[in-house]
Amino acid sequence: MGSIQEMIKKDLNSSELIEKFKQLGSEKGFIYRSIEFEDVEIEEDKITIKIKTT
């Protein structure tokens, strides 16, 4: 079993969530061919999710 961060990254890359981000971008005039959650960084006062789009 992978680390908790890897499990979160896998969950974030679920097709349902990806489609919601594509729809949100489309509403703002952006067309994304792909969206991939690359990393999750956890600090005491914030959580940062890095996303790659093309």
Protein backbone atom coordinates (compact mmCIF):
# COMPACT_ATOMS: atom_id res chain seq x y z
CA MET A 1 0.00 0.00 0.00
CA GLY A 2 1.30 3.48 -0.87
CA SER A 3 1.62 6.53 1.27
CA ILE A 4 -1.41 8.55 2.30
CA GLN A 5 -0.32 11.29 -0.15
CA GLU A 6 -0.28 8.78 -3.01
CA MET A 7 -3.73 7.54 -2.02
CA ILE A 8 -5.07 11.12 -1.97
CA LYS A 9 -3.49 11.81 -5.39
CA LYS A 10 -5.16 8.67 -6.79
CA ASP A 11 -8.54 9.72 -5.36
CA LEU A 12 -8.17 13.23 -6.77
CA ASN A 13 -7.48 11.80 -10.22
CA SER A 14 -10.87 10.07 -10.28
CA SER A 15 -12.65 10.73 -13.56
CA GLU A 16 -15.62 12.38 -11.84
CA LEU A 17 -13.52 15.10 -10.21
CA ILE A 18 -11.47 15.65 -13.39
CA GLU A 19 -14.67 16.19 -15.39
CA LYS A 20 -15.91 18.75 -12.84
CA PHE A 21 -12.68 20.73 -13.21
CA LYS A 22 -12.95 20.56 -17.01
CA GLN A 23 -16.54 21.85 -16.79
CA LEU A 24 -15.49 24.66 -14.43
CA GLY A 25 -12.70 25.67 -16.83
CA SER A 26 -15.09 25.52 -19.78
CA GLU A 27 -17.46 27.91 -18.02
CA LYS A 28 -14.56 30.35 -17.75
CA GLY A 29 -13.57 29.90 -21.41
CA PHE A 30 -10.70 27.41 -20.93
CA ILE A 31 -10.54 24.15 -22.86
CA TYR A 32 -8.50 21.46 -21.10
CA ARG A 33 -7.57 18.26 -22.93
CA SER A 34 -6.23 16.78 -19.74
CA ILE A 35 -6.05 17.59 -16.04
CA GLU A 36 -3.77 15.63 -13.72
CA PHE A 37 -3.27 16.08 -10.00
CA GLU A 38 0.49 15.81 -9.57
CA ASP A 39 1.25 16.33 -5.90
CA VAL A 40 -0.27 16.99 -2.51
CA GLU A 41 1.74 18.98 0.05
CA ILE A 42 0.52 19.14 3.62
CA GLU A 43 1.69 21.78 6.08
CA GLU A 44 0.40 22.77 9.49
CA ASP A 45 -1.74 25.65 8.22
CA LYS A 46 -2.47 24.70 4.59
CA ILE A 47 -2.82 21.92 2.05
CA THR A 48 -1.49 22.56 -1.47
CA ILE A 49 -2.64 20.50 -4.45
CA LYS A 50 -0.53 20.84 -7.62
CA ILE A 51 -2.38 20.37 -10.90
CA LYS A 52 -1.03 19.92 -14.45
CA THR A 53 -3.29 20.94 -17.34
CA THR A 54 -2.93 20.71 -21.10
